[in-house]
Amino acid sequence: MPRLGPIKRAELIKYLQILGFEGPYSGGKHQFMFKGMICLRLPNPHRRDVGRELLSRILKQAGIDKDSWEKL
């Protein structure tokens, strides 16, 4: 179960796919994922994990609450 904290980019993508998002697809500067009318831009792969603050913003844009995320 993922906690709301630093997470690897690959794990973020895996969990978003479990929640019904499709992708990632290539875009201009960032990759993105779709679910219905929701389009999420993904952070670029870097050496560091996706931090808690950025993860919170991504989940908010995706319409996923903290409890749903932590129950995966």
C-alpha atoms as a PDB file:
ATOM      1  CA  MET A   1       0.000   0.000   0.000  1.00  0.00           C
ATOM      2  CA  PRO A   2       1.544   3.310  -1.057  1.00  0.00           C
ATOM      3  CA  ARG A   3       1.736   5.993   1.551  1.00  0.00           C
ATOM      4  CA  LEU A   4       1.372   9.655   0.792  1.00  0.00           C
ATOM      5  CA  GLY A   5       5.060  10.388   0.604  1.00  0.00           C
ATOM      6  CA  PRO A   6       8.024  10.098  -1.734  1.00  0.00           C
ATOM      7  CA  ILE A   7       7.446   7.523  -4.461  1.00  0.00           C
ATOM      8  CA  LYS A   8       9.380   6.388  -7.516  1.00  0.00           C
ATOM      9  CA  ARG A   9       8.016   7.613 -10.839  1.00  0.00           C
ATOM     10  CA  ALA A  10       7.552   4.045 -12.142  1.00  0.00           C
ATOM     11  CA  GLU A  11       5.511   3.125  -9.063  1.00  0.00           C
ATOM     12  CA  LEU A  12       3.346   6.258  -9.486  1.00  0.00           C
ATOM     13  CA  ILE A  13       2.579   5.210 -13.063  1.00  0.00           C
ATOM     14  CA  LYS A  14       1.789   1.631 -11.972  1.00  0.00           C
ATOM     15  CA  TYR A  15      -0.656   2.791  -9.276  1.00  0.00           C
ATOM     16  CA  LEU A  16      -2.335   5.285 -11.616  1.00  0.00           C
ATOM     17  CA  GLN A  17      -2.855   2.453 -14.120  1.00  0.00           C
ATOM     18  CA  ILE A  18      -4.436   0.354 -11.361  1.00  0.00           C
ATOM     19  CA  LEU A  19      -6.806   3.282 -10.726  1.00  0.00           C
ATOM     20  CA  GLY A  20      -7.875   3.274 -14.393  1.00  0.00           C
ATOM     21  CA  PHE A  21      -5.540   5.768 -16.055  1.00  0.00           C
ATOM     22  CA  GLU A  22      -4.233   4.953 -19.530  1.00  0.00           C
ATOM     23  CA  GLY A  23      -0.737   5.725 -20.706  1.00  0.00           C
ATOM     24  CA  PRO A  24       1.778   7.159 -20.311  1.00  0.00           C
ATOM     25  CA  TYR A  25       1.785   8.848 -23.696  1.00  0.00           C
ATOM     26  CA  SER A  26       4.480  11.125 -25.071  1.00  0.00           C
ATOM     27  CA  GLY A  27       3.751  14.828 -25.152  1.00  0.00           C
ATOM     28  CA  GLY A  28       5.704  18.031 -25.638  1.00  0.00           C
ATOM     29  CA  LYS A  29       7.939  18.295 -22.588  1.00  0.00           C
ATOM     30  CA  HIS A  30       6.102  15.812 -20.346  1.00  0.00           C
ATOM     31  CA  GLN A  31       4.386  12.467 -20.673  1.00  0.00           C
ATOM     32  CA  PHE A  32       0.714  12.321 -19.739  1.00  0.00           C
ATOM     33  CA  MET A  33      -1.999   9.851 -18.744  1.00  0.00           C
ATOM     34  CA  PHE A  34      -5.770   9.887 -19.378  1.00  0.00           C
ATOM     35  CA  LYS A  35      -8.847   8.710 -17.538  1.00  0.00           C
ATOM     36  CA  GLY A  36     -12.067   9.912 -19.128  1.00  0.00           C
ATOM     37  CA  MET A  37     -11.789  13.694 -19.380  1.00  0.00           C
ATOM     38  CA  ILE A  38      -8.905  13.909 -16.882  1.00  0.00           C
ATOM     39  CA  CYS A  39      -5.436  14.463 -18.333  1.00  0.00           C
ATOM     40  CA  LEU A  40      -2.485  14.228 -15.933  1.00  0.00           C
ATOM     41  CA  ARG A  41       0.984  15.469 -16.809  1.00  0.00           C
ATOM     42  CA  LEU A  42       3.666  13.261 -15.310  1.00  0.00           C
ATOM     43  CA  PRO A  43       6.905  14.548 -13.851  1.00  0.00           C
ATOM     44  CA  ASN A  44       9.967  13.906 -15.984  1.00  0.00           C
ATOM     45  CA  PRO A  45      12.200  11.029 -14.888  1.00  0.00           C
ATOM     46  CA  HIS A  46      15.027  12.282 -12.733  1.00  0.00           C
ATOM     47  CA  ARG A  47      17.261  10.631 -10.201  1.00  0.00           C
ATOM     48  CA  ARG A  48      15.009  11.519  -7.274  1.00  0.00           C
ATOM     49  CA  ASP A  49      11.617  10.245  -6.207  1.00  0.00           C
ATOM     50  CA  VAL A  50       8.405  12.213  -6.686  1.00  0.00           C
ATOM     51  CA  GLY A  51       8.059  14.194  -3.448  1.00  0.00           C
ATOM     52  CA  ARG A  52       5.043  14.358  -1.160  1.00  0.00           C
ATOM     53  CA  GLU A  53       3.981  17.849  -2.256  1.00  0.00           C
ATOM     54  CA  LEU A  54       4.062  17.016  -5.969  1.00  0.00           C
ATOM     55  CA  LEU A  55       2.318  13.688  -5.340  1.00  0.00           C
ATOM     56  CA  SER A  56      -0.455  15.525  -3.452  1.00  0.00           C
ATOM     57  CA  ARG A  57      -0.948  17.922  -6.379  1.00  0.00           C
ATOM     58  CA  ILE A  58      -1.057  15.062  -8.899  1.00  0.00           C
ATOM     59  CA  LEU A  59      -3.625  13.160  -6.833  1.00  0.00           C
ATOM     60  CA  LYS A  60      -5.752  16.295  -6.419  1.00  0.00           C
ATOM     61  CA  GLN A  61      -5.771  16.835 -10.196  1.00  0.00           C
ATOM     62  CA  ALA A  62      -6.683  13.174 -10.670  1.00  0.00           C
ATOM     63  CA  GLY A  63      -9.569  13.404  -8.191  1.00  0.00           C
ATOM     64  CA  ILE A  64      -8.041  10.773  -5.897  1.00  0.00           C
ATOM     65  CA  ASP A  65      -8.309  11.320  -2.162  1.00  0.00           C
ATOM     66  CA  LYS A  66      -5.653  10.321   0.348  1.00  0.00           C
ATOM     67  CA  ASP A  67      -7.688   7.385   1.729  1.00  0.00           C
ATOM     68  CA  SER A  68      -8.268   5.888  -1.735  1.00  0.00           C
ATOM     69  CA  TRP A  69      -4.575   6.214  -2.530  1.00  0.00           C
ATOM     70  CA  GLU A  70      -3.440   4.540   0.678  1.00  0.00           C
ATOM     71  CA  LYS A  71      -5.927   1.648   0.258  1.00  0.00           C
ATOM     72  CA  LEU A  72      -4.254   0.460  -2.970  1.00  0.00           C
END
